[in-house]
Amino acid sequence: NLNARVTPATLDLVRPYEPLRLQAELQSDGRWLIGFGHTRFARAGATITGDDADALLRYDLSETANALDTLVTAPLSQHQFEAINAFALHIGLDNFRRSTVLRA
């Protein structure tokens, strides 16, 4: 499910820091990436459009946002939520769960 708290501003926080891959790329760790760092549906030979990349990023950010809705108990403004969502996506949910950011 797409999370309503994922806005275009949230996507704008991620795009400058993650290269756009319109064709899947194999990483040195054996993972495939496509779009803005998407892994779940990336595979050899896969190609997408820029709009597809945005849709995959929104999907990934929604998945992270849904987890944050249960992990973060402090009240957050929309801007704070967007920043933490972009951060959690970047470092991964497992790392975020152990982070000092979450504890704070």
C-alpha atoms as a PDB file:
ATOM      1  CA  ASN A   1       0.000   0.000   0.000  1.00  0.00           C
ATOM      2  CA  LEU A   2       1.205   3.477  -0.808  1.00  0.00           C
ATOM      3  CA  ASN A   3       1.620   5.632   2.279  1.00  0.00           C
ATOM      4  CA  ALA A   4      -0.118   9.024   2.020  1.00  0.00           C
ATOM      5  CA  ARG A   5       2.718  10.680   3.954  1.00  0.00           C
ATOM      6  CA  VAL A   6       5.085  10.046   1.041  1.00  0.00           C
ATOM      7  CA  THR A   7       4.879  13.290  -0.916  1.00  0.00           C
ATOM      8  CA  PRO A   8       6.730  14.587  -3.972  1.00  0.00           C
ATOM      9  CA  ALA A   9       9.001  16.404  -1.487  1.00  0.00           C
ATOM     10  CA  THR A  10      10.029  13.037  -0.037  1.00  0.00           C
ATOM     11  CA  LEU A  11      11.054  11.807  -3.474  1.00  0.00           C
ATOM     12  CA  ASP A  12      12.975  15.059  -3.994  1.00  0.00           C
ATOM     13  CA  LEU A  13      15.019  14.296  -0.863  1.00  0.00           C
ATOM     14  CA  VAL A  14      16.219  10.983  -2.319  1.00  0.00           C
ATOM     15  CA  ARG A  15      16.717  11.669  -6.042  1.00  0.00           C
ATOM     16  CA  PRO A  16      19.836  13.897  -5.798  1.00  0.00           C
ATOM     17  CA  TYR A  17      21.732  11.272  -3.800  1.00  0.00           C
ATOM     18  CA  GLU A  18      20.886   8.110  -5.714  1.00  0.00           C
ATOM     19  CA  PRO A  19      21.796   7.758  -9.388  1.00  0.00           C
ATOM     20  CA  LEU A  20      18.971   6.998 -11.797  1.00  0.00           C
ATOM     21  CA  ARG A  21      19.394   3.636 -13.479  1.00  0.00           C
ATOM     22  CA  LEU A  22      17.033   3.066 -16.383  1.00  0.00           C
ATOM     23  CA  GLN A  23      18.664  -0.300 -16.991  1.00  0.00           C
ATOM     24  CA  ALA A  24      19.315  -2.779 -14.192  1.00  0.00           C
ATOM     25  CA  GLU A  25      22.904  -2.803 -12.953  1.00  0.00           C
ATOM     26  CA  LEU A  26      24.638  -5.629 -11.146  1.00  0.00           C
ATOM     27  CA  GLN A  27      26.389  -4.406  -8.003  1.00  0.00           C
ATOM     28  CA  SER A  28      29.632  -5.798  -6.603  1.00  0.00           C
ATOM     29  CA  ASP A  29      27.666  -7.444  -3.773  1.00  0.00           C
ATOM     30  CA  GLY A  30      25.596  -9.443  -6.269  1.00  0.00           C
ATOM     31  CA  ARG A  31      22.413  -7.354  -5.968  1.00  0.00           C
ATOM     32  CA  TRP A  32      20.699  -5.840  -8.985  1.00  0.00           C
ATOM     33  CA  LEU A  33      19.609  -2.185  -8.804  1.00  0.00           C
ATOM     34  CA  ILE A  34      17.236  -0.255 -11.029  1.00  0.00           C
ATOM     35  CA  GLY A  35      15.633   3.165 -10.794  1.00  0.00           C
ATOM     36  CA  PHE A  36      16.732   5.066  -7.699  1.00  0.00           C
ATOM     37  CA  GLY A  37      18.290   2.140  -5.845  1.00  0.00           C
ATOM     38  CA  HIS A  38      15.346  -0.253  -6.115  1.00  0.00           C
ATOM     39  CA  THR A  39      16.257  -3.916  -5.559  1.00  0.00           C
ATOM     40  CA  ARG A  40      13.086  -5.979  -5.200  1.00  0.00           C
ATOM     41  CA  PHE A  41      12.100  -6.131  -8.877  1.00  0.00           C
ATOM     42  CA  ALA A  42      15.543  -5.478 -10.383  1.00  0.00           C
ATOM     43  CA  ARG A  43      16.977  -8.283 -12.501  1.00  0.00           C
ATOM     44  CA  ALA A  44      19.270  -8.825 -15.461  1.00  0.00           C
ATOM     45  CA  GLY A  45      17.987  -7.162 -18.636  1.00  0.00           C
ATOM     46  CA  ALA A  46      15.290  -5.098 -16.923  1.00  0.00           C
ATOM     47  CA  THR A  47      14.686  -1.589 -18.253  1.00  0.00           C
ATOM     48  CA  ILE A  48      12.325   1.134 -17.061  1.00  0.00           C
ATOM     49  CA  THR A  49      11.342   4.729 -17.800  1.00  0.00           C
ATOM     50  CA  GLY A  50      11.893   7.743 -15.578  1.00  0.00           C
ATOM     51  CA  ASP A  51       8.225   7.573 -14.559  1.00  0.00           C
ATOM     52  CA  ASP A  52       8.680   3.913 -13.638  1.00  0.00           C
ATOM     53  CA  ALA A  53      11.702   4.866 -11.521  1.00  0.00           C
ATOM     54  CA  ASP A  54       9.619   7.458  -9.661  1.00  0.00           C
ATOM     55  CA  ALA A  55       6.852   4.899  -9.089  1.00  0.00           C
ATOM     56  CA  LEU A  56       9.356   2.372  -7.698  1.00  0.00           C
ATOM     57  CA  LEU A  57      10.858   5.056  -5.447  1.00  0.00           C
ATOM     58  CA  ARG A  58       7.401   5.964  -4.153  1.00  0.00           C
ATOM     59  CA  TYR A  59       6.752   2.261  -3.505  1.00  0.00           C
ATOM     60  CA  ASP A  60      10.054   1.879  -1.625  1.00  0.00           C
ATOM     61  CA  LEU A  61       9.470   5.054   0.407  1.00  0.00           C
ATOM     62  CA  SER A  62       5.921   3.916   1.213  1.00  0.00           C
ATOM     63  CA  GLU A  63       7.212   0.603   2.495  1.00  0.00           C
ATOM     64  CA  THR A  64       9.711   2.431   4.708  1.00  0.00           C
ATOM     65  CA  ALA A  65       7.058   4.941   5.813  1.00  0.00           C
ATOM     66  CA  ASN A  66       4.708   2.135   6.837  1.00  0.00           C
ATOM     67  CA  ALA A  67       7.455   0.710   9.053  1.00  0.00           C
ATOM     68  CA  LEU A  68       8.227   4.152  10.487  1.00  0.00           C
ATOM     69  CA  ASP A  69       4.567   4.562  11.434  1.00  0.00           C
ATOM     70  CA  THR A  70       5.093   1.793  13.990  1.00  0.00           C
ATOM     71  CA  LEU A  71       8.757   2.408  14.900  1.00  0.00           C
ATOM     72  CA  VAL A  72       8.699   6.143  15.591  1.00  0.00           C
ATOM     73  CA  THR A  73       6.610   7.053  18.621  1.00  0.00           C
ATOM     74  CA  ALA A  74       7.538  10.739  18.873  1.00  0.00           C
ATOM     75  CA  PRO A  75       5.274  13.215  17.085  1.00  0.00           C
ATOM     76  CA  LEU A  76       6.861  14.372  13.823  1.00  0.00           C
ATOM     77  CA  SER A  77       6.026  17.220  11.496  1.00  0.00           C
ATOM     78  CA  GLN A  78       5.585  16.282   7.841  1.00  0.00           C
ATOM     79  CA  HIS A  79       9.051  17.663   7.055  1.00  0.00           C
ATOM     80  CA  GLN A  80      10.643  15.657   9.862  1.00  0.00           C
ATOM     81  CA  PHE A  81       8.845  12.512   8.720  1.00  0.00           C
ATOM     82  CA  GLU A  82      10.018  13.025   5.130  1.00  0.00           C
ATOM     83  CA  ALA A  83      13.631  13.501   6.242  1.00  0.00           C
ATOM     84  CA  ILE A  84      13.595  10.435   8.495  1.00  0.00           C
ATOM     85  CA  ASN A  85      11.908   8.394   5.778  1.00  0.00           C
ATOM     86  CA  ALA A  86      14.605   9.332   3.231  1.00  0.00           C
ATOM     87  CA  PHE A  87      17.305   8.575   5.829  1.00  0.00           C
ATOM     88  CA  ALA A  88      15.795   5.193   6.752  1.00  0.00           C
ATOM     89  CA  LEU A  89      15.474   4.224   3.093  1.00  0.00           C
ATOM     90  CA  HIS A  90      19.112   5.161   2.505  1.00  0.00           C
ATOM     91  CA  ILE A  91      20.551   3.162   5.414  1.00  0.00           C
ATOM     92  CA  GLY A  92      17.957   0.360   5.375  1.00  0.00           C
ATOM     93  CA  LEU A  93      15.271  -0.441   7.918  1.00  0.00           C
ATOM     94  CA  ASP A  94      17.404  -2.928   9.844  1.00  0.00           C
ATOM     95  CA  ASN A  95      20.095  -0.310  10.364  1.00  0.00           C
ATOM     96  CA  PHE A  96      17.478   2.317  11.205  1.00  0.00           C
ATOM     97  CA  ARG A  97      15.987   0.058  13.888  1.00  0.00           C
ATOM     98  CA  ARG A  98      19.424   0.029  15.582  1.00  0.00           C
ATOM     99  CA  SER A  99      20.179   3.701  14.958  1.00  0.00           C
ATOM    100  CA  THR A 100      20.736   6.455  17.475  1.00  0.00           C
ATOM    101  CA  VAL A 101      18.338   8.557  15.382  1.00  0.00           C
ATOM    102  CA  LEU A 102      15.474   6.242  16.300  1.00  0.00           C
ATOM    103  CA  ARG A 103      16.507   6.112  19.957  1.00  0.00           C
ATOM    104  CA  ALA A 104      16.611   9.921  20.092  1.00  0.00           C
END
